[in-house]
Structure formats: structure tokens, C-alpha cells
Amino acid sequence: MENTVSEPEAPPESDVRFPIVLRGYDRRQVDEYVRLVEKRVDRHEKARRVAERRLAKAQVPAPRAAEPDGAAGLGRRIEKILQVAKSEAAEIKEQARREAEAIVAAAEKKAAEAESAREETERAAQREAQLVVSRAEEEAAVIRAAHRAVLTQLSQIAEGVEDLRVRYGGEAEGEDAAEPEPAKSAPSPA
């Protein structure tokens, strides 16, 4: 009799549940499960060969056409699991590709909107700056005109004062207080 080392039995393939992570299954867990199932298949295959050898020693011909239901069924189940896993992986990849394209398109749209908003803000700032400059130029023109008007008035006042001084011979009140005239009637010391 050959001794076989028994491994802890995993739950039947139909009871296996993989937790969903990030829109799919945990790849590491699926890989571990596939390795475990492959080990079980190998163990069943070794057991089948041992059984065939024992059967051959007992001079009982082993049926070649039909494999034991457990090993054959397990192989088909593993194939189905792998096919389903590949199909789901392809779907997940396609969904991820579509999502990535949508994210890129949304980012490009937002970038275009941001650029458009930046350009509009720049145009608005230029219009505002031109408006401020125009107002400043208008105010400066008003101030210059007022300055010229004041200078004109001051010039007219100065001319009027000069005319008065000439007309009254320089005896305006302002001149008396500012410059005392020499006394005409006082005798000069001898």
C-alpha cells in the first residue's frame, strides 16, 4: 500500500466565493485557489494512477474509456473555472479601458474648459484695464483742462493787479505795508 500525504481539504469548487475588490476579484486569491485546485488535481491523478497499478496487479483490467468521475469532473470544473476567470478578466480589462478613456476624455474636457475660462478671464482683465486707463486718461484731461483754466485765471488776475498798480502808481495797500516810502517832509540832518 502506498501512503499519500493528505492536505487540508478545500471547500468544493461550487462553494468557493472570491471577495470583490476594485471592480473584480483579488488576483492573488484567485491564483492561490487555482494552485490549490491544481494540487488537488495532481493528488487525485496520483491516486488514480496508484489505483490503476493496484488494479493491474490484481489482474483486473482497468477501464480506459471511462475515467473516474471525480477526477474527470474535477478537471472539467477547473477548465470551466479558468474559462470563467479568463472571461471575467477580459471583461474587467475592457471595463477598465472604457473607464480610463472616459476619465481621460473628462480630464481633457475640463482642461479645455479651464483654458477657455482662463482666456475669458484674461480678456475681461484686459477690458477692465483698458477701461481703467481710459478713465484715468479722461480724468487727467479734465485735470489738465482745469489746471489750464486756473493758470489762465491767475494770469488774468496778475494782469489785473499789474494794471491797477500801473494805474494807481504803485500805491496799492499791499505795497505800503510791504515797503515803507522814504519820508519827504522830514529834514535831513546836517
C-alpha atoms as a PDB file:
ATOM      1  CA  MET A   1       0.000   0.000   0.000  1.00  0.00           C
ATOM      2  CA  GLU A   2       1.289   3.472  -0.837  1.00  0.00           C
ATOM      3  CA  ASN A   3       0.900   6.215   1.692  1.00  0.00           C
ATOM      4  CA  THR A   4      -0.403   9.516   0.475  1.00  0.00           C
ATOM      5  CA  VAL A   5       0.024  12.689   2.432  1.00  0.00           C
ATOM      6  CA  SER A   6      -3.299  14.381   2.882  1.00  0.00           C
ATOM      7  CA  GLU A   7      -3.621  18.121   2.578  1.00  0.00           C
ATOM      8  CA  PRO A   8      -6.380  20.053   4.286  1.00  0.00           C
ATOM      9  CA  GLU A   9      -9.429  19.777   2.115  1.00  0.00           C
ATOM     10  CA  ALA A  10     -10.547  22.984   0.453  1.00  0.00           C
ATOM     11  CA  PRO A  11     -14.257  23.632   0.053  1.00  0.00           C
ATOM     12  CA  PRO A  12     -15.788  22.173  -3.110  1.00  0.00           C
ATOM     13  CA  GLU A  13     -15.357  24.379  -6.164  1.00  0.00           C
ATOM     14  CA  SER A  14     -19.049  25.230  -6.213  1.00  0.00           C
ATOM     15  CA  ASP A  15     -18.802  26.718  -2.681  1.00  0.00           C
ATOM     16  CA  VAL A  16     -15.839  28.973  -3.387  1.00  0.00           C
ATOM     17  CA  ARG A  17     -16.533  32.702  -3.102  1.00  0.00           C
ATOM     18  CA  PHE A  18     -13.978  35.349  -4.013  1.00  0.00           C
ATOM     19  CA  PRO A  19     -14.339  38.777  -2.429  1.00  0.00           C
ATOM     20  CA  ILE A  20     -14.752  41.560  -4.956  1.00  0.00           C
ATOM     21  CA  VAL A  21     -12.016  44.196  -4.798  1.00  0.00           C
ATOM     22  CA  LEU A  22     -11.650  47.230  -7.049  1.00  0.00           C
ATOM     23  CA  ARG A  23     -14.192  46.096  -9.624  1.00  0.00           C
ATOM     24  CA  GLY A  24     -13.039  42.484  -9.804  1.00  0.00           C
ATOM     25  CA  TYR A  25     -11.576  39.646  -7.819  1.00  0.00           C
ATOM     26  CA  ASP A  26      -8.427  39.647  -5.746  1.00  0.00           C
ATOM     27  CA  ARG A  27      -5.931  38.265  -8.252  1.00  0.00           C
ATOM     28  CA  ARG A  28      -3.721  36.825  -5.512  1.00  0.00           C
ATOM     29  CA  GLN A  29      -6.616  34.892  -4.000  1.00  0.00           C
ATOM     30  CA  VAL A  30      -7.676  33.533  -7.397  1.00  0.00           C
ATOM     31  CA  ASP A  31      -4.070  32.486  -8.130  1.00  0.00           C
ATOM     32  CA  GLU A  32      -3.827  30.763  -4.741  1.00  0.00           C
ATOM     33  CA  TYR A  33      -7.107  28.965  -5.358  1.00  0.00           C
ATOM     34  CA  VAL A  34      -6.012  27.824  -8.809  1.00  0.00           C
ATOM     35  CA  ARG A  35      -2.733  26.493  -7.328  1.00  0.00           C
ATOM     36  CA  LEU A  36      -4.697  24.657  -4.621  1.00  0.00           C
ATOM     37  CA  VAL A  37      -7.054  23.141  -7.193  1.00  0.00           C
ATOM     38  CA  GLU A  38      -4.096  22.112  -9.365  1.00  0.00           C
ATOM     39  CA  LYS A  39      -2.549  20.389  -6.338  1.00  0.00           C
ATOM     40  CA  ARG A  40      -5.840  18.598  -5.708  1.00  0.00           C
ATOM     41  CA  VAL A  41      -5.986  17.531  -9.339  1.00  0.00           C
ATOM     42  CA  ASP A  42      -2.400  16.260  -9.122  1.00  0.00           C
ATOM     43  CA  ARG A  43      -3.240  14.399  -5.899  1.00  0.00           C
ATOM     44  CA  HIS A  44      -6.327  12.834  -7.495  1.00  0.00           C
ATOM     45  CA  GLU A  45      -4.335  11.982 -10.602  1.00  0.00           C
ATOM     46  CA  LYS A  46      -1.666  10.254  -8.466  1.00  0.00           C
ATOM     47  CA  ALA A  47      -4.374   8.410  -6.579  1.00  0.00           C
ATOM     48  CA  ARG A  48      -5.901   7.320  -9.892  1.00  0.00           C
ATOM     49  CA  ARG A  49      -2.539   6.011 -11.133  1.00  0.00           C
ATOM     50  CA  VAL A  50      -1.970   4.153  -7.858  1.00  0.00           C
ATOM     51  CA  ALA A  51      -5.422   2.650  -8.149  1.00  0.00           C
ATOM     52  CA  GLU A  52      -4.715   1.628 -11.753  1.00  0.00           C
ATOM     53  CA  ARG A  53      -1.453  -0.018 -10.692  1.00  0.00           C
ATOM     54  CA  ARG A  54      -3.198  -1.888  -7.912  1.00  0.00           C
ATOM     55  CA  LEU A  55      -5.879  -2.948 -10.312  1.00  0.00           C
ATOM     56  CA  ALA A  56      -3.281  -4.121 -12.813  1.00  0.00           C
ATOM     57  CA  LYS A  57      -1.546  -6.172 -10.088  1.00  0.00           C
ATOM     58  CA  ALA A  58      -4.814  -7.771  -9.217  1.00  0.00           C
ATOM     59  CA  GLN A  59      -5.119  -8.842 -12.848  1.00  0.00           C
ATOM     60  CA  VAL A  60      -8.217  -6.801 -13.286  1.00  0.00           C
ATOM     61  CA  PRO A  61      -8.136  -4.776 -16.476  1.00  0.00           C
ATOM     62  CA  ALA A  62      -8.703  -1.084 -15.808  1.00  0.00           C
ATOM     63  CA  PRO A  63     -11.309   0.544 -17.990  1.00  0.00           C
ATOM     64  CA  ARG A  64      -9.557   3.002 -20.253  1.00  0.00           C
ATOM     65  CA  ALA A  65     -12.546   4.659 -21.833  1.00  0.00           C
ATOM     66  CA  ALA A  66     -14.136   6.000 -18.678  1.00  0.00           C
ATOM     67  CA  GLU A  67     -12.096   7.877 -16.142  1.00  0.00           C
ATOM     68  CA  PRO A  68     -13.198   8.006 -12.528  1.00  0.00           C
ATOM     69  CA  ASP A  69     -15.978  10.551 -12.204  1.00  0.00           C
ATOM     70  CA  GLY A  70     -14.238  12.577  -9.503  1.00  0.00           C
ATOM     71  CA  ALA A  71     -11.054  13.291 -11.442  1.00  0.00           C
ATOM     72  CA  ALA A  72     -12.783  13.820 -14.778  1.00  0.00           C
ATOM     73  CA  GLY A  73     -15.438  16.037 -13.248  1.00  0.00           C
ATOM     74  CA  LEU A  74     -12.852  17.988 -11.328  1.00  0.00           C
ATOM     75  CA  GLY A  75     -10.813  18.599 -14.467  1.00  0.00           C
ATOM     76  CA  ARG A  76     -13.862  19.866 -16.318  1.00  0.00           C
ATOM     77  CA  ARG A  77     -14.775  22.086 -13.386  1.00  0.00           C
ATOM     78  CA  ILE A  78     -11.269  23.515 -13.292  1.00  0.00           C
ATOM     79  CA  GLU A  79     -11.444  24.202 -17.011  1.00  0.00           C
ATOM     80  CA  LYS A  80     -14.757  25.966 -16.552  1.00  0.00           C
ATOM     81  CA  ILE A  81     -13.399  27.977 -13.608  1.00  0.00           C
ATOM     82  CA  LEU A  82     -10.376  29.013 -15.651  1.00  0.00           C
ATOM     83  CA  GLN A  83     -12.557  29.930 -18.628  1.00  0.00           C
ATOM     84  CA  VAL A  84     -14.854  31.975 -16.408  1.00  0.00           C
ATOM     85  CA  ALA A  85     -11.844  33.634 -14.750  1.00  0.00           C
ATOM     86  CA  LYS A  86     -10.337  34.487 -18.158  1.00  0.00           C
ATOM     87  CA  SER A  87     -13.664  35.803 -19.407  1.00  0.00           C
ATOM     88  CA  GLU A  88     -14.159  37.929 -16.298  1.00  0.00           C
ATOM     89  CA  ALA A  89     -10.573  39.184 -16.531  1.00  0.00           C
ATOM     90  CA  ALA A  90     -11.185  40.221 -20.152  1.00  0.00           C
ATOM     91  CA  GLU A  91     -14.415  41.981 -19.145  1.00  0.00           C
ATOM     92  CA  ILE A  92     -12.653  43.732 -16.271  1.00  0.00           C
ATOM     93  CA  LYS A  93      -9.856  44.865 -18.588  1.00  0.00           C
ATOM     94  CA  GLU A  94     -12.353  46.169 -21.145  1.00  0.00           C
ATOM     95  CA  GLN A  95     -14.349  47.974 -18.461  1.00  0.00           C
ATOM     96  CA  ALA A  96     -11.148  49.470 -17.048  1.00  0.00           C
ATOM     97  CA  ARG A  97     -10.116  50.578 -20.548  1.00  0.00           C
ATOM     98  CA  ARG A  98     -13.512  52.237 -21.107  1.00  0.00           C
ATOM     99  CA  GLU A  99     -13.363  53.913 -17.707  1.00  0.00           C
ATOM    100  CA  ALA A 100      -9.837  55.131 -18.386  1.00  0.00           C
ATOM    101  CA  GLU A 101     -10.946  56.561 -21.733  1.00  0.00           C
ATOM    102  CA  ALA A 102     -13.888  58.270 -20.044  1.00  0.00           C
ATOM    103  CA  ILE A 103     -11.610  59.711 -17.354  1.00  0.00           C
ATOM    104  CA  VAL A 104      -9.138  60.963 -19.962  1.00  0.00           C
ATOM    105  CA  ALA A 105     -11.969  62.489 -22.023  1.00  0.00           C
ATOM    106  CA  ALA A 106     -13.409  64.184 -18.925  1.00  0.00           C
ATOM    107  CA  ALA A 107      -9.963  65.484 -17.969  1.00  0.00           C
ATOM    108  CA  GLU A 108      -9.395  66.818 -21.486  1.00  0.00           C
ATOM    109  CA  LYS A 109     -12.827  68.480 -21.424  1.00  0.00           C
ATOM    110  CA  LYS A 110     -12.105  70.083 -18.045  1.00  0.00           C
ATOM    111  CA  ALA A 111      -8.698  71.234 -19.283  1.00  0.00           C
ATOM    112  CA  ALA A 112     -10.335  72.815 -22.337  1.00  0.00           C
ATOM    113  CA  GLU A 113     -12.967  74.464 -20.131  1.00  0.00           C
ATOM    114  CA  ALA A 114     -10.257  75.739 -17.790  1.00  0.00           C
ATOM    115  CA  GLU A 115      -8.284  77.122 -20.743  1.00  0.00           C
ATOM    116  CA  SER A 116     -11.414  78.794 -22.096  1.00  0.00           C
ATOM    117  CA  ALA A 117     -12.181  80.277 -18.670  1.00  0.00           C
ATOM    118  CA  ARG A 118      -8.571  81.475 -18.387  1.00  0.00           C
ATOM    119  CA  GLU A 119      -8.780  83.142 -21.801  1.00  0.00           C
ATOM    120  CA  GLU A 120     -12.113  84.773 -20.945  1.00  0.00           C
ATOM    121  CA  THR A 121     -10.717  85.989 -17.620  1.00  0.00           C
ATOM    122  CA  GLU A 122      -7.688  87.365 -19.426  1.00  0.00           C
ATOM    123  CA  ARG A 123      -9.910  89.166 -21.957  1.00  0.00           C
ATOM    124  CA  ALA A 124     -12.086  90.564 -19.157  1.00  0.00           C
ATOM    125  CA  ALA A 125      -8.977  91.736 -17.300  1.00  0.00           C
ATOM    126  CA  GLN A 126      -7.692  93.435 -20.462  1.00  0.00           C
ATOM    127  CA  ARG A 127     -11.055  95.144 -20.994  1.00  0.00           C
ATOM    128  CA  GLU A 128     -11.073  96.269 -17.366  1.00  0.00           C
ATOM    129  CA  ALA A 129      -7.500  97.534 -17.647  1.00  0.00           C
ATOM    130  CA  GLN A 130      -8.364  99.447 -20.830  1.00  0.00           C
ATOM    131  CA  LEU A 131     -11.404 100.923 -19.091  1.00  0.00           C
ATOM    132  CA  VAL A 132      -9.295 101.998 -16.104  1.00  0.00           C
ATOM    133  CA  VAL A 133      -6.664 103.511 -18.420  1.00  0.00           C
ATOM    134  CA  SER A 134      -9.371 105.321 -20.426  1.00  0.00           C
ATOM    135  CA  ARG A 135     -10.938 106.705 -17.264  1.00  0.00           C
ATOM    136  CA  ALA A 136      -7.543 107.765 -15.962  1.00  0.00           C
ATOM    137  CA  GLU A 137      -6.764 109.493 -19.258  1.00  0.00           C
ATOM    138  CA  GLU A 138     -10.153 111.243 -19.172  1.00  0.00           C
ATOM    139  CA  GLU A 139      -9.593 112.339 -15.575  1.00  0.00           C
ATOM    140  CA  ALA A 140      -6.081 113.525 -16.464  1.00  0.00           C
ATOM    141  CA  ALA A 141      -7.509 115.517 -19.395  1.00  0.00           C
ATOM    142  CA  VAL A 142     -10.097 117.089 -17.074  1.00  0.00           C
ATOM    143  CA  ILE A 143      -7.389 117.904 -14.526  1.00  0.00           C
ATOM    144  CA  ARG A 144      -5.150 119.393 -17.263  1.00  0.00           C
ATOM    145  CA  ALA A 145      -8.057 121.480 -18.563  1.00  0.00           C
ATOM    146  CA  ALA A 146      -8.849 122.665 -15.022  1.00  0.00           C
ATOM    147  CA  HIS A 147      -5.147 123.429 -14.482  1.00  0.00           C
ATOM    148  CA  ARG A 148      -5.033 125.462 -17.683  1.00  0.00           C
ATOM    149  CA  ALA A 149      -8.203 127.291 -16.672  1.00  0.00           C
ATOM    150  CA  VAL A 150      -6.713 128.097 -13.242  1.00  0.00           C
ATOM    151  CA  LEU A 151      -3.478 129.257 -14.876  1.00  0.00           C
ATOM    152  CA  THR A 152      -5.493 131.411 -17.265  1.00  0.00           C
ATOM    153  CA  GLN A 153      -7.441 132.931 -14.370  1.00  0.00           C
ATOM    154  CA  LEU A 154      -4.248 133.503 -12.373  1.00  0.00           C
ATOM    155  CA  SER A 155      -2.690 135.129 -15.408  1.00  0.00           C
ATOM    156  CA  GLN A 156      -5.755 137.369 -15.783  1.00  0.00           C
ATOM    157  CA  ILE A 157      -5.668 138.253 -12.078  1.00  0.00           C
ATOM    158  CA  ALA A 158      -1.954 139.036 -12.305  1.00  0.00           C
ATOM    159  CA  GLU A 159      -2.596 141.250 -15.320  1.00  0.00           C
ATOM    160  CA  GLY A 160      -5.444 142.986 -13.457  1.00  0.00           C
ATOM    161  CA  VAL A 161      -3.218 143.573 -10.431  1.00  0.00           C
ATOM    162  CA  GLU A 162      -0.474 144.909 -12.688  1.00  0.00           C
ATOM    163  CA  ASP A 163      -2.955 147.241 -14.400  1.00  0.00           C
ATOM    164  CA  LEU A 164      -4.125 148.509 -11.014  1.00  0.00           C
ATOM    165  CA  ARG A 165      -0.555 149.081  -9.855  1.00  0.00           C
ATOM    166  CA  VAL A 166       0.287 150.958 -13.004  1.00  0.00           C
ATOM    167  CA  ARG A 167      -2.934 152.941 -12.828  1.00  0.00           C
ATOM    168  CA  TYR A 168      -2.515 153.972  -9.227  1.00  0.00           C
ATOM    169  CA  GLY A 169       1.214 154.465  -9.402  1.00  0.00           C
ATOM    170  CA  GLY A 170       2.229 151.607  -7.240  1.00  0.00           C
ATOM    171  CA  GLU A 171       0.396 152.897  -4.185  1.00  0.00           C
ATOM    172  CA  ALA A 172      -1.655 149.853  -3.570  1.00  0.00           C
ATOM    173  CA  GLU A 173      -2.258 148.945   0.038  1.00  0.00           C
ATOM    174  CA  GLY A 174      -0.154 145.873  -0.271  1.00  0.00           C
ATOM    175  CA  GLU A 175       2.873 147.898  -1.307  1.00  0.00           C
ATOM    176  CA  ASP A 176       2.503 150.415   1.597  1.00  0.00           C
ATOM    177  CA  ALA A 177       2.611 147.694   4.123  1.00  0.00           C
ATOM    178  CA  ALA A 178       5.412 145.814   2.447  1.00  0.00           C
ATOM    179  CA  GLU A 179       7.744 148.747   1.595  1.00  0.00           C
ATOM    180  CA  PRO A 180       7.764 151.960   3.634  1.00  0.00           C
ATOM    181  CA  GLU A 181       8.300 155.029   1.497  1.00  0.00           C
ATOM    182  CA  PRO A 182      11.076 157.463   2.492  1.00  0.00           C
ATOM    183  CA  ALA A 183       9.775 160.464   4.375  1.00  0.00           C
ATOM    184  CA  LYS A 184       9.634 163.575   2.186  1.00  0.00           C
ATOM    185  CA  SER A 185       8.874 166.177   4.752  1.00  0.00           C
ATOM    186  CA  ALA A 186      11.436 165.257   7.331  1.00  0.00           C
ATOM    187  CA  PRO A 187      14.525 167.473   7.310  1.00  0.00           C
ATOM    188  CA  SER A 188      17.738 165.746   6.711  1.00  0.00           C
ATOM    189  CA  PRO A 189      20.337 166.085   9.419  1.00  0.00           C
ATOM    190  CA  ALA A 190      23.111 168.390   8.517  1.00  0.00           C
END
